[in-house]
Amino acid sequence: MVLSLKVVSIGFDLDRQLLLLVPGVFEFFGYAFNNFSWLLTAIRAYVLSIGSLLYSTCFSNWIIIDGSYKWLIAFRDAQSFRFSHYFTCYTSEATAIASGIGASRYREAGNSETKW
C-alpha cells in the first residue's frame, strides 16, 4: 500500500510538472524503498505467522504423540490452540504494516516541514 501510494505520488508530480523527467530505475527504487524498515517488519511478522501455523498444525503433533500421558496430550492441544492464535495475530500485524498502518507524520520543533 505504501509503495503504491509512492508510485501514485510520482504520477501526480509528473502531471503537475513538478518532475520534468520520469525518474530512472535507481532513482525510483531509492525513493520507493528509502525507509524499508516497514518491509522488514512485515516480513518478520509473516515469517512468525507461518512458523506459528506450522507449529500449531504439524510440529506439536510430531513432538508429543497420541500415546503419551493424558496431561501431556492436554498440554499439546493447548499449545496448538495458543499457536493458532499467534498465527492470527502475526498475520494481522503483517497485513496492517504492509497496508501502511503505523506510519505517522511529525514535525520537529522549530521546523514547519512535515516528515513521515
C-alpha atoms as a PDB file:
ATOM      1  CA  MET A   1       0.000   0.000   0.000  1.00  0.00           C
ATOM      2  CA  VAL A   2       2.781   2.405   0.873  1.00  0.00           C
ATOM      3  CA  LEU A   3       4.608   1.519  -2.318  1.00  0.00           C
ATOM      4  CA  SER A   4       1.507   2.101  -4.449  1.00  0.00           C
ATOM      5  CA  LEU A   5       0.996   5.497  -2.795  1.00  0.00           C
ATOM      6  CA  LYS A   6       4.547   6.462  -3.693  1.00  0.00           C
ATOM      7  CA  VAL A   7       4.004   5.415  -7.310  1.00  0.00           C
ATOM      8  CA  VAL A   8       0.790   7.450  -7.477  1.00  0.00           C
ATOM      9  CA  SER A   9       2.540  10.491  -5.984  1.00  0.00           C
ATOM     10  CA  ILE A  10       5.182  10.304  -8.730  1.00  0.00           C
ATOM     11  CA  GLY A  11       2.361  10.235 -11.285  1.00  0.00           C
ATOM     12  CA  PHE A  12       0.770  13.327  -9.759  1.00  0.00           C
ATOM     13  CA  ASP A  13       4.125  15.122  -9.670  1.00  0.00           C
ATOM     14  CA  LEU A  14       4.676  14.325 -13.346  1.00  0.00           C
ATOM     15  CA  ASP A  15       1.166  15.533 -14.194  1.00  0.00           C
ATOM     16  CA  ARG A  16       1.652  18.808 -12.310  1.00  0.00           C
ATOM     17  CA  GLN A  17       5.066  19.154 -13.968  1.00  0.00           C
ATOM     18  CA  LEU A  18       6.863  19.231 -10.628  1.00  0.00           C
ATOM     19  CA  LEU A  19       9.072  16.487 -12.063  1.00  0.00           C
ATOM     20  CA  LEU A  20      10.370  17.240 -15.528  1.00  0.00           C
ATOM     21  CA  LEU A  21      11.570  13.726 -16.334  1.00  0.00           C
ATOM     22  CA  VAL A  22      10.459  10.271 -15.335  1.00  0.00           C
ATOM     23  CA  PRO A  23      12.877   9.084 -12.641  1.00  0.00           C
ATOM     24  CA  GLY A  24      15.317   6.362 -13.584  1.00  0.00           C
ATOM     25  CA  VAL A  25      15.220   2.869 -12.146  1.00  0.00           C
ATOM     26  CA  PHE A  26      17.783   3.530  -9.406  1.00  0.00           C
ATOM     27  CA  GLU A  27      16.217   6.873  -8.509  1.00  0.00           C
ATOM     28  CA  PHE A  28      12.783   5.299  -8.286  1.00  0.00           C
ATOM     29  CA  PHE A  29      13.950   2.400  -6.097  1.00  0.00           C
ATOM     30  CA  GLY A  30      15.846   4.861  -3.904  1.00  0.00           C
ATOM     31  CA  TYR A  31      12.639   6.853  -3.427  1.00  0.00           C
ATOM     32  CA  ALA A  32      10.321   3.870  -3.065  1.00  0.00           C
ATOM     33  CA  PHE A  33      12.462   1.871  -0.650  1.00  0.00           C
ATOM     34  CA  ASN A  34      14.134   4.747   1.203  1.00  0.00           C
ATOM     35  CA  ASN A  35      12.862   3.644   4.575  1.00  0.00           C
ATOM     36  CA  PHE A  36      12.105  -0.020   4.168  1.00  0.00           C
ATOM     37  CA  SER A  37      12.028  -0.877   7.857  1.00  0.00           C
ATOM     38  CA  TRP A  38       8.277  -1.391   7.424  1.00  0.00           C
ATOM     39  CA  LEU A  39       9.037  -4.064   4.839  1.00  0.00           C
ATOM     40  CA  LEU A  40      11.416  -5.914   7.154  1.00  0.00           C
ATOM     41  CA  THR A  41       8.882  -5.710   9.994  1.00  0.00           C
ATOM     42  CA  ALA A  42       6.123  -7.070   7.751  1.00  0.00           C
ATOM     43  CA  ILE A  43       8.346  -9.923   6.558  1.00  0.00           C
ATOM     44  CA  ARG A  44       9.275 -10.740  10.175  1.00  0.00           C
ATOM     45  CA  ALA A  45       5.607 -10.859  11.189  1.00  0.00           C
ATOM     46  CA  TYR A  46       4.769 -13.015   8.168  1.00  0.00           C
ATOM     47  CA  VAL A  47       7.577 -15.487   8.945  1.00  0.00           C
ATOM     48  CA  LEU A  48       6.440 -15.695  12.566  1.00  0.00           C
ATOM     49  CA  SER A  49       2.855 -16.309  11.438  1.00  0.00           C
ATOM     50  CA  ILE A  50       3.928 -19.174   9.169  1.00  0.00           C
ATOM     51  CA  GLY A  51       6.063 -20.622  11.980  1.00  0.00           C
ATOM     52  CA  SER A  52       3.110 -20.432  14.369  1.00  0.00           C
ATOM     53  CA  LEU A  53       0.851 -22.113  11.838  1.00  0.00           C
ATOM     54  CA  LEU A  54       3.326 -24.931  11.253  1.00  0.00           C
ATOM     55  CA  TYR A  55       3.791 -25.488  14.982  1.00  0.00           C
ATOM     56  CA  SER A  56       0.064 -25.486  15.734  1.00  0.00           C
ATOM     57  CA  THR A  57      -0.830 -27.909  12.945  1.00  0.00           C
ATOM     58  CA  CYS A  58       2.247 -30.091  12.441  1.00  0.00           C
ATOM     59  CA  PHE A  59       5.094 -29.851  14.909  1.00  0.00           C
ATOM     60  CA  SER A  60       3.087 -30.090  18.123  1.00  0.00           C
ATOM     61  CA  ASN A  61       1.606 -33.402  16.932  1.00  0.00           C
ATOM     62  CA  TRP A  62       5.048 -34.707  15.979  1.00  0.00           C
ATOM     63  CA  ILE A  63       6.714 -33.685  19.230  1.00  0.00           C
ATOM     64  CA  ILE A  64       4.055 -35.107  21.559  1.00  0.00           C
ATOM     65  CA  ILE A  65       2.457 -38.231  20.067  1.00  0.00           C
ATOM     66  CA  ASP A  66      -1.043 -39.530  20.833  1.00  0.00           C
ATOM     67  CA  GLY A  67       0.012 -42.412  23.066  1.00  0.00           C
ATOM     68  CA  SER A  68       1.569 -40.104  25.683  1.00  0.00           C
ATOM     69  CA  TYR A  69       0.421 -39.291  29.213  1.00  0.00           C
ATOM     70  CA  LYS A  70      -3.043 -37.618  29.255  1.00  0.00           C
ATOM     71  CA  TRP A  71      -1.779 -34.338  30.742  1.00  0.00           C
ATOM     72  CA  LEU A  72       0.938 -34.172  28.132  1.00  0.00           C
ATOM     73  CA  ILE A  73      -1.686 -34.585  25.409  1.00  0.00           C
ATOM     74  CA  ALA A  74      -3.755 -31.817  27.034  1.00  0.00           C
ATOM     75  CA  PHE A  75      -0.653 -29.608  27.040  1.00  0.00           C
ATOM     76  CA  ARG A  76      -0.088 -30.369  23.340  1.00  0.00           C
ATOM     77  CA  ASP A  77      -3.667 -29.430  22.476  1.00  0.00           C
ATOM     78  CA  ALA A  78      -3.422 -26.219  24.499  1.00  0.00           C
ATOM     79  CA  GLN A  79      -0.182 -25.311  22.727  1.00  0.00           C
ATOM     80  CA  SER A  80      -1.781 -25.992  19.366  1.00  0.00           C
ATOM     81  CA  PHE A  81      -4.711 -23.739  20.267  1.00  0.00           C
ATOM     82  CA  ARG A  82      -2.399 -20.988  21.534  1.00  0.00           C
ATOM     83  CA  PHE A  83      -0.154 -21.031  18.487  1.00  0.00           C
ATOM     84  CA  SER A  84      -3.161 -20.880  16.160  1.00  0.00           C
ATOM     85  CA  HIS A  85      -3.996 -17.580  17.859  1.00  0.00           C
ATOM     86  CA  TYR A  86      -0.406 -16.436  17.376  1.00  0.00           C
ATOM     87  CA  PHE A  87      -0.808 -17.195  13.674  1.00  0.00           C
ATOM     88  CA  THR A  88      -3.880 -14.967  13.513  1.00  0.00           C
ATOM     89  CA  CYS A  89      -2.181 -12.142  15.402  1.00  0.00           C
ATOM     90  CA  TYR A  90       1.019 -12.184  13.359  1.00  0.00           C
ATOM     91  CA  THR A  91      -0.917 -12.370  10.082  1.00  0.00           C
ATOM     92  CA  SER A  92      -2.968  -9.363  11.143  1.00  0.00           C
ATOM     93  CA  GLU A  93       0.189  -7.486  12.091  1.00  0.00           C
ATOM     94  CA  ALA A  94       1.860  -8.246   8.754  1.00  0.00           C
ATOM     95  CA  THR A  95      -1.233  -7.153   6.836  1.00  0.00           C
ATOM     96  CA  ALA A  96      -1.584  -3.945   8.841  1.00  0.00           C
ATOM     97  CA  ILE A  97       2.070  -2.993   8.412  1.00  0.00           C
ATOM     98  CA  ALA A  98       2.013  -3.742   4.681  1.00  0.00           C
ATOM     99  CA  SER A  99      -1.074  -1.560   4.250  1.00  0.00           C
ATOM    100  CA  GLY A 100       0.620   1.406   5.933  1.00  0.00           C
ATOM    101  CA  ILE A 101      -0.953   1.360   9.371  1.00  0.00           C
ATOM    102  CA  GLY A 102       1.588   2.549  11.875  1.00  0.00           C
ATOM    103  CA  ALA A 103       3.145   5.168   9.624  1.00  0.00           C
ATOM    104  CA  SER A 104       2.938   8.554  11.262  1.00  0.00           C
ATOM    105  CA  ARG A 105       3.884  12.056  10.418  1.00  0.00           C
ATOM    106  CA  TYR A 106       5.520  14.517  12.753  1.00  0.00           C
ATOM    107  CA  ARG A 107       7.052  17.950  12.894  1.00  0.00           C
ATOM    108  CA  GLU A 108      10.344  18.716  14.522  1.00  0.00           C
ATOM    109  CA  ALA A 109      10.495  21.605  16.972  1.00  0.00           C
ATOM    110  CA  GLY A 110      11.192  24.876  15.176  1.00  0.00           C
ATOM    111  CA  ASN A 111      10.633  23.339  11.720  1.00  0.00           C
ATOM    112  CA  SER A 112       7.381  23.727   9.803  1.00  0.00           C
ATOM    113  CA  GLU A 113       8.165  20.857   7.419  1.00  0.00           C
ATOM    114  CA  THR A 114       6.099  17.706   7.963  1.00  0.00           C
ATOM    115  CA  LYS A 115       8.096  14.479   7.969  1.00  0.00           C
ATOM    116  CA  TRP A 116       6.835  10.922   7.676  1.00  0.00           C
END
